[in-house]
N, C-alpha and C. Protein backbone atom coordinates (compact mmCIF):
# COMPACT_ATOMS: atom_id res chain seq x y z
N MET A 1 13.90 15.34 7.90
CA MET A 1 14.30 15.16 6.57
C MET A 1 15.30 13.99 6.52
N VAL A 2 16.18 14.11 7.53
CA VAL A 2 17.39 13.07 7.42
C VAL A 2 16.71 11.78 7.90
N LEU A 3 15.70 11.83 8.80
CA LEU A 3 15.06 10.44 9.23
C LEU A 3 14.40 9.88 8.04
N ARG A 4 13.82 10.61 7.08
CA ARG A 4 13.21 9.95 5.93
C ARG A 4 14.23 9.40 4.98
N ILE A 5 15.22 10.12 4.78
CA ILE A 5 16.37 9.60 4.01
C ILE A 5 16.95 8.23 4.43
N VAL A 6 17.15 8.31 5.76
CA VAL A 6 17.67 7.06 6.20
C VAL A 6 16.70 5.91 6.25
N LEU A 7 15.36 6.32 6.49
CA LEU A 7 14.34 5.12 6.37
C LEU A 7 14.23 4.73 4.95
N SER A 8 14.25 5.67 3.98
CA SER A 8 14.18 5.24 2.62
C SER A 8 15.34 4.34 2.34
N LEU A 9 16.53 4.65 2.62
CA LEU A 9 17.52 3.67 2.30
C LEU A 9 17.46 2.44 3.23
N ALA A 10 17.06 2.34 4.32
CA ALA A 10 16.70 1.23 5.07
C ALA A 10 15.57 0.37 4.40
N ALA A 11 14.56 1.01 3.84
CA ALA A 11 13.50 0.35 3.00
C ALA A 11 14.12 -0.47 1.96
N GLY A 12 14.98 0.27 1.18
CA GLY A 12 15.53 -0.41 0.05
C GLY A 12 16.39 -1.67 0.40
N LEU A 13 17.16 -1.46 1.53
CA LEU A 13 18.04 -2.56 1.85
C LEU A 13 17.04 -3.64 2.52
N ALA A 14 16.09 -3.44 3.10
CA ALA A 14 15.23 -4.46 3.60
C ALA A 14 14.37 -5.15 2.55
N ALA A 15 14.01 -4.34 1.63
CA ALA A 15 13.15 -4.86 0.59
C ALA A 15 14.20 -5.62 -0.61
N SER A 16 15.36 -5.39 -0.46
CA SER A 16 16.35 -6.05 -1.48
C SER A 16 16.31 -7.53 -1.29
N PHE A 17 16.00 -7.90 -0.12
CA PHE A 17 15.90 -9.46 0.25
C PHE A 17 14.69 -10.00 -0.41
N ALA A 18 13.69 -9.42 -0.68
CA ALA A 18 12.41 -9.89 -1.30
C ALA A 18 12.74 -10.05 -2.84
N VAL A 19 12.13 -11.13 -3.31
CA VAL A 19 12.23 -11.29 -4.61
C VAL A 19 11.07 -10.52 -5.47
N PRO A 20 11.47 -9.64 -6.38
CA PRO A 20 10.52 -8.92 -6.94
C PRO A 20 9.62 -9.74 -7.95
N PRO A 21 8.36 -9.40 -8.11
CA PRO A 21 7.55 -10.13 -9.12
C PRO A 21 8.23 -10.24 -10.55
N ALA A 22 7.98 -11.20 -11.21
CA ALA A 22 8.60 -11.34 -12.66
C ALA A 22 8.11 -10.23 -13.39
N GLY A 23 9.12 -9.59 -14.14
CA GLY A 23 8.80 -8.46 -15.07
C GLY A 23 8.49 -7.14 -14.40
N ALA A 24 8.77 -7.05 -12.97
CA ALA A 24 8.55 -5.94 -12.25
C ALA A 24 9.12 -4.66 -12.85
N GLN A 25 10.41 -4.82 -13.14
CA GLN A 25 11.18 -3.59 -13.65
C GLN A 25 10.69 -3.12 -15.04
N GLU A 26 10.19 -4.01 -15.84
CA GLU A 26 9.74 -3.74 -17.13
C GLU A 26 8.35 -3.00 -16.95
N ARG A 27 7.67 -3.27 -16.04
CA ARG A 27 6.37 -2.61 -15.85
C ARG A 27 6.47 -1.26 -15.20
N GLY A 28 7.54 -0.78 -14.81
CA GLY A 28 7.86 0.51 -14.18
C GLY A 28 7.55 0.43 -12.75
N ARG A 29 7.60 -0.53 -11.97
CA ARG A 29 7.28 -0.66 -10.54
C ARG A 29 7.79 0.59 -9.90
N VAL A 30 6.93 1.20 -8.97
CA VAL A 30 7.25 2.32 -8.21
C VAL A 30 7.01 1.95 -6.78
N PHE A 31 7.76 2.72 -5.96
CA PHE A 31 7.66 2.59 -4.58
C PHE A 31 7.11 3.74 -3.88
N GLU A 32 6.37 3.59 -2.73
CA GLU A 32 5.57 4.65 -2.01
C GLU A 32 6.12 4.58 -0.59
N LEU A 33 6.81 5.75 -0.13
CA LEU A 33 7.16 5.83 1.32
C LEU A 33 5.85 6.56 1.77
N ARG A 34 5.33 6.12 2.93
CA ARG A 34 4.28 6.63 3.62
C ARG A 34 4.55 6.93 5.06
N THR A 35 4.28 7.91 5.65
CA THR A 35 4.49 8.38 6.97
C THR A 35 3.18 8.81 7.62
N TYR A 36 2.71 8.00 8.61
CA TYR A 36 1.43 8.34 9.39
C TYR A 36 1.77 9.02 10.63
N THR A 37 1.29 10.15 11.00
CA THR A 37 1.26 10.73 12.26
C THR A 37 0.02 10.52 12.99
N CYS A 38 0.05 9.96 14.14
CA CYS A 38 -1.20 9.75 14.96
C CYS A 38 -1.53 10.84 16.06
N LEU A 39 -2.65 10.81 16.26
CA LEU A 39 -3.18 11.78 17.33
C LEU A 39 -2.54 11.04 18.63
N GLU A 40 -2.47 11.91 19.74
CA GLU A 40 -1.90 11.42 20.96
C GLU A 40 -2.59 10.12 21.32
N GLY A 41 -1.77 9.15 21.74
CA GLY A 41 -2.32 7.88 22.19
C GLY A 41 -2.92 6.92 21.26
N LYS A 42 -2.94 7.20 20.02
CA LYS A 42 -3.55 6.43 18.93
C LYS A 42 -2.77 5.49 18.22
N LEU A 43 -1.49 5.53 18.32
CA LEU A 43 -0.52 4.68 17.56
C LEU A 43 -0.81 3.27 17.81
N PRO A 44 -1.20 2.71 18.99
CA PRO A 44 -1.55 1.34 19.18
C PRO A 44 -2.82 0.76 18.32
N ASP A 45 -3.66 1.97 18.25
CA ASP A 45 -4.85 1.59 17.38
C ASP A 45 -4.57 1.47 15.95
N LEU A 46 -3.70 2.36 15.66
CA LEU A 46 -3.37 2.48 14.06
C LEU A 46 -2.58 1.08 13.74
N LEU A 47 -1.57 0.71 14.66
CA LEU A 47 -0.86 -0.53 14.45
C LEU A 47 -1.83 -1.94 14.35
N ALA A 48 -2.70 -1.82 15.16
CA ALA A 48 -3.80 -2.93 15.33
C ALA A 48 -4.53 -2.91 14.15
N ARG A 49 -4.88 -1.72 13.57
CA ARG A 49 -5.76 -1.71 12.35
C ARG A 49 -4.89 -2.29 11.02
N PHE A 50 -3.57 -1.86 11.03
CA PHE A 50 -2.87 -2.37 9.99
C PHE A 50 -2.54 -3.92 10.13
N ARG A 51 -2.28 -4.38 11.36
CA ARG A 51 -1.98 -5.71 11.58
C ARG A 51 -3.07 -6.61 11.16
N ASN A 52 -4.36 -6.20 11.78
CA ASN A 52 -5.35 -7.06 11.67
C ASN A 52 -6.29 -6.83 10.25
N HIS A 53 -6.06 -5.76 9.54
CA HIS A 53 -6.99 -5.48 8.43
C HIS A 53 -6.31 -4.91 7.21
N THR A 54 -5.60 -3.69 7.47
CA THR A 54 -5.19 -2.94 6.36
C THR A 54 -4.25 -3.62 5.33
N THR A 55 -3.40 -4.47 5.90
CA THR A 55 -2.30 -4.96 5.15
C THR A 55 -3.08 -6.07 4.15
N GLN A 56 -4.14 -6.91 4.67
CA GLN A 56 -4.71 -7.78 3.91
C GLN A 56 -5.69 -7.07 2.81
N ILE A 57 -6.16 -5.99 3.25
CA ILE A 57 -7.15 -5.17 2.19
C ILE A 57 -6.10 -4.63 1.06
N PHE A 58 -4.83 -4.14 1.60
CA PHE A 58 -3.95 -3.69 0.40
C PHE A 58 -3.57 -4.85 -0.52
N GLU A 59 -3.37 -5.96 -0.06
CA GLU A 59 -3.07 -7.15 -0.91
C GLU A 59 -4.10 -7.38 -1.86
N LYS A 60 -5.47 -7.30 -1.34
CA LYS A 60 -6.53 -7.65 -2.24
C LYS A 60 -6.59 -6.56 -3.38
N HIS A 61 -6.07 -5.33 -3.27
CA HIS A 61 -6.09 -4.33 -4.22
C HIS A 61 -4.88 -4.21 -5.00
N GLY A 62 -3.94 -5.12 -4.88
CA GLY A 62 -2.70 -5.05 -5.78
C GLY A 62 -1.56 -4.19 -5.10
N ILE A 63 -1.79 -3.61 -3.86
CA ILE A 63 -0.70 -2.93 -3.26
C ILE A 63 0.05 -3.85 -2.46
N THR A 64 1.48 -3.91 -2.76
CA THR A 64 2.33 -4.77 -2.14
C THR A 64 3.17 -4.16 -1.01
N SER A 65 2.95 -4.77 0.18
CA SER A 65 3.68 -4.17 1.47
C SER A 65 5.12 -4.72 1.41
N ILE A 66 5.96 -3.73 1.37
CA ILE A 66 7.43 -3.96 1.51
C ILE A 66 7.95 -4.12 2.95
N ALA A 67 7.83 -3.00 3.86
CA ALA A 67 8.16 -3.07 5.14
C ALA A 67 7.44 -1.91 5.89
N TYR A 68 7.34 -2.23 7.28
CA TYR A 68 6.77 -1.30 8.14
C TYR A 68 7.70 -0.97 9.41
N TRP A 69 7.60 0.38 9.74
CA TRP A 69 8.55 0.76 10.78
C TRP A 69 7.84 1.63 11.86
N VAL A 70 8.29 1.58 13.14
CA VAL A 70 7.92 2.66 14.11
C VAL A 70 9.39 3.09 14.68
N PRO A 71 9.53 4.39 14.64
CA PRO A 71 10.85 4.90 15.02
C PRO A 71 11.20 4.49 16.44
N GLN A 72 12.46 4.48 16.67
CA GLN A 72 12.98 3.97 18.19
C GLN A 72 12.80 5.19 19.00
N ASP A 73 13.08 6.30 18.69
CA ASP A 73 13.28 7.41 19.61
C ASP A 73 12.08 8.34 19.70
N ALA A 74 11.70 8.74 20.87
CA ALA A 74 10.78 9.85 21.16
C ALA A 74 11.14 11.06 20.45
N PRO A 75 10.11 11.89 20.06
CA PRO A 75 8.76 11.70 20.12
C PRO A 75 8.05 10.85 19.10
N LEU A 76 8.84 10.61 17.95
CA LEU A 76 8.27 9.90 16.88
C LEU A 76 7.79 8.48 17.30
N SER A 77 8.49 7.92 18.16
CA SER A 77 8.11 6.53 18.54
C SER A 77 6.71 6.51 19.18
N GLN A 78 6.27 7.48 19.58
CA GLN A 78 4.78 7.59 20.19
C GLN A 78 3.75 7.75 19.22
N ASN A 79 4.11 8.33 18.06
CA ASN A 79 2.99 8.61 17.14
C ASN A 79 3.13 8.36 15.66
N THR A 80 4.15 7.81 15.36
CA THR A 80 4.49 7.46 13.88
C THR A 80 4.59 6.09 13.39
N LEU A 81 3.96 5.83 12.16
CA LEU A 81 4.26 4.64 11.51
C LEU A 81 4.74 5.12 10.05
N ILE A 82 5.82 4.38 9.74
CA ILE A 82 6.37 4.71 8.47
C ILE A 82 6.42 3.33 7.62
N TYR A 83 6.02 3.40 6.44
CA TYR A 83 6.03 2.11 5.50
C TYR A 83 6.40 2.40 4.16
N VAL A 84 6.72 1.17 3.47
CA VAL A 84 7.02 1.40 2.05
C VAL A 84 6.03 0.31 1.33
N LEU A 85 5.27 0.73 0.23
CA LEU A 85 4.57 0.03 -0.53
C LEU A 85 5.17 -0.15 -2.00
N ALA A 86 4.73 -1.12 -2.66
CA ALA A 86 5.26 -1.15 -4.09
C ALA A 86 3.97 -1.14 -5.06
N HIS A 87 3.98 -0.57 -6.20
CA HIS A 87 2.83 -0.62 -7.05
C HIS A 87 3.56 -0.97 -8.55
N PRO A 88 2.79 -1.70 -9.35
CA PRO A 88 3.25 -1.93 -10.64
C PRO A 88 3.61 -0.69 -11.43
N SER A 89 2.97 0.37 -11.20
CA SER A 89 3.30 1.67 -11.87
C SER A 89 2.54 2.79 -11.17
N ARG A 90 2.88 3.98 -11.56
CA ARG A 90 2.27 5.18 -10.83
C ARG A 90 0.77 5.23 -11.18
N GLU A 91 0.32 4.82 -12.37
CA GLU A 91 -0.98 4.82 -12.77
C GLU A 91 -1.80 3.66 -12.07
N ALA A 92 -1.04 2.55 -11.72
CA ALA A 92 -1.68 1.45 -10.94
C ALA A 92 -1.77 1.80 -9.63
N ALA A 93 -0.93 2.53 -9.13
CA ALA A 93 -1.03 3.20 -7.65
C ALA A 93 -2.25 4.05 -7.46
N LYS A 94 -2.42 4.76 -8.40
CA LYS A 94 -3.69 5.73 -8.35
C LYS A 94 -4.97 4.74 -8.34
N LYS A 95 -5.01 3.76 -9.22
CA LYS A 95 -6.16 2.87 -9.23
C LYS A 95 -6.32 2.07 -7.90
N ASN A 96 -5.07 1.51 -7.54
CA ASN A 96 -5.04 0.68 -6.27
C ASN A 96 -5.72 1.46 -5.16
N TRP A 97 -5.25 2.75 -5.08
CA TRP A 97 -5.74 3.52 -3.87
C TRP A 97 -7.16 3.83 -3.93
N GLU A 98 -7.56 4.18 -5.17
CA GLU A 98 -9.09 4.45 -5.41
C GLU A 98 -9.88 3.28 -4.96
N ALA A 99 -9.42 2.11 -5.43
CA ALA A 99 -10.18 0.78 -5.19
C ALA A 99 -10.17 0.47 -3.72
N PHE A 100 -9.19 0.71 -3.05
CA PHE A 100 -8.86 0.49 -1.49
C PHE A 100 -9.91 1.45 -0.87
N ARG A 101 -9.76 2.86 -1.11
CA ARG A 101 -10.73 3.74 -0.43
C ARG A 101 -12.11 3.38 -0.68
N ASN A 102 -12.54 2.73 -1.80
CA ASN A 102 -13.95 2.45 -2.05
C ASN A 102 -14.45 1.04 -1.61
N ASP A 103 -13.33 0.43 -1.03
CA ASP A 103 -13.68 -1.11 -0.60
C ASP A 103 -14.75 -0.96 0.57
N PRO A 104 -15.86 -1.75 0.64
CA PRO A 104 -16.70 -1.65 1.70
C PRO A 104 -16.10 -2.24 3.06
N GLU A 105 -15.16 -3.21 2.88
CA GLU A 105 -14.55 -3.80 4.00
C GLU A 105 -13.67 -2.83 4.62
N TRP A 106 -12.85 -1.94 3.87
CA TRP A 106 -12.14 -0.86 4.43
C TRP A 106 -12.89 0.09 5.00
N GLN A 107 -14.03 0.51 4.40
CA GLN A 107 -14.86 1.58 5.00
C GLN A 107 -15.48 1.04 6.41
N LYS A 108 -15.70 -0.18 6.36
CA LYS A 108 -16.21 -0.67 7.69
C LYS A 108 -15.15 -0.70 8.89
N VAL A 109 -13.92 -1.21 8.33
CA VAL A 109 -12.91 -1.19 9.35
C VAL A 109 -12.36 0.21 9.83
N GLN A 110 -12.48 1.05 8.85
CA GLN A 110 -12.03 2.42 9.28
C GLN A 110 -12.98 2.95 10.12
N LYS A 111 -14.45 2.95 9.98
CA LYS A 111 -15.35 3.43 10.79
C LYS A 111 -15.26 2.81 12.33
N GLU A 112 -15.19 1.43 12.11
CA GLU A 112 -15.14 0.75 13.49
C GLU A 112 -13.94 1.12 14.44
N SER A 113 -12.76 1.34 13.70
CA SER A 113 -11.44 1.70 14.39
C SER A 113 -11.55 3.21 14.76
N GLU A 114 -12.38 3.94 14.27
CA GLU A 114 -12.38 5.43 14.61
C GLU A 114 -13.53 5.75 15.41
N ALA A 115 -14.32 4.73 16.08
CA ALA A 115 -15.59 4.90 16.81
C ALA A 115 -15.18 5.87 17.93
N ASN A 116 -14.01 5.73 18.56
CA ASN A 116 -13.78 6.71 19.63
C ASN A 116 -12.96 7.94 19.15
N GLY A 117 -13.00 8.19 17.95
CA GLY A 117 -12.31 9.40 17.51
C GLY A 117 -11.34 8.98 16.38
N LYS A 118 -10.90 10.04 15.58
CA LYS A 118 -9.90 9.80 14.54
C LYS A 118 -8.44 9.27 15.18
N ILE A 119 -7.85 8.59 14.26
CA ILE A 119 -6.53 8.01 14.66
C ILE A 119 -5.38 8.84 14.10
N VAL A 120 -5.54 9.17 12.89
CA VAL A 120 -4.37 9.80 12.04
C VAL A 120 -4.59 11.18 11.98
N SER A 121 -3.53 11.97 12.20
CA SER A 121 -3.65 13.40 12.06
C SER A 121 -3.05 13.86 10.63
N LYS A 122 -2.08 13.13 10.22
CA LYS A 122 -1.38 13.49 9.00
C LYS A 122 -0.83 12.43 8.36
N VAL A 123 -0.92 12.35 6.91
CA VAL A 123 -0.42 11.29 6.08
C VAL A 123 0.55 12.04 5.05
N GLU A 124 1.83 11.44 4.89
CA GLU A 124 2.66 11.99 3.79
C GLU A 124 2.93 10.83 3.03
N SER A 125 2.95 11.03 1.50
CA SER A 125 3.35 10.05 0.67
C SER A 125 4.26 10.70 -0.33
N VAL A 126 5.28 9.92 -0.45
CA VAL A 126 6.42 10.09 -1.52
C VAL A 126 6.70 8.96 -2.50
N PHE A 127 6.32 9.20 -3.73
CA PHE A 127 6.55 8.08 -4.77
C PHE A 127 8.00 8.14 -5.08
N MET A 128 8.71 6.92 -5.31
CA MET A 128 10.05 6.76 -5.49
C MET A 128 10.35 5.80 -6.53
N ASP A 129 11.32 6.08 -7.37
CA ASP A 129 11.98 5.13 -8.35
C ASP A 129 13.28 4.47 -7.79
N PRO A 130 13.70 3.31 -7.99
CA PRO A 130 14.80 2.83 -7.37
C PRO A 130 16.09 3.55 -8.28
N ALA A 131 17.12 3.92 -7.78
CA ALA A 131 18.10 4.30 -8.37
C ALA A 131 18.83 3.18 -9.20
N ASP A 132 19.58 3.58 -10.29
CA ASP A 132 20.28 2.74 -11.16
C ASP A 132 21.07 1.63 -10.45
N PHE A 133 21.63 1.95 -9.31
CA PHE A 133 22.52 1.14 -8.66
C PHE A 133 21.86 0.25 -7.47
N SER A 134 20.59 0.60 -7.35
CA SER A 134 19.83 0.02 -6.14
C SER A 134 19.82 -1.53 -6.30
N PRO A 135 19.95 -2.17 -5.43
CA PRO A 135 19.99 -3.73 -5.34
C PRO A 135 18.56 -4.29 -5.58
N MET A 136 17.51 -3.34 -5.26
CA MET A 136 16.17 -3.83 -5.59
C MET A 136 15.55 -2.91 -6.52
N LYS A 137 14.84 -3.48 -7.53
CA LYS A 137 14.26 -2.61 -8.43
C LYS A 137 12.76 -2.83 -8.49
């Protein structure tokens, strides 16, 4: 839990250097903290999938990547990817994820990357609103 809070704060700090799209605050932009736990030995496969495919497919579907992290300390450093996304609104997030999951390119990439077995054992998602004092909205 403490790790998530610290990472959440770090995400806000890192993202505060990014310029939000015009009108983002008025549209109710929301952030999504996602934590993926990989099966043993599969973190390099997940990182490659994100690096080579997933982030580009996110962009195609209106999902904005803010930042990605791998914890420094074991055991999480061996099996965990943590990242923050932004969506124009909670409703847009739902539509973005549906479009992403139904994208034939994503379905192909997922199938190919899991040819030797599943990569991810657990996905956690938390939607967040910036606090009124947050440097990034």
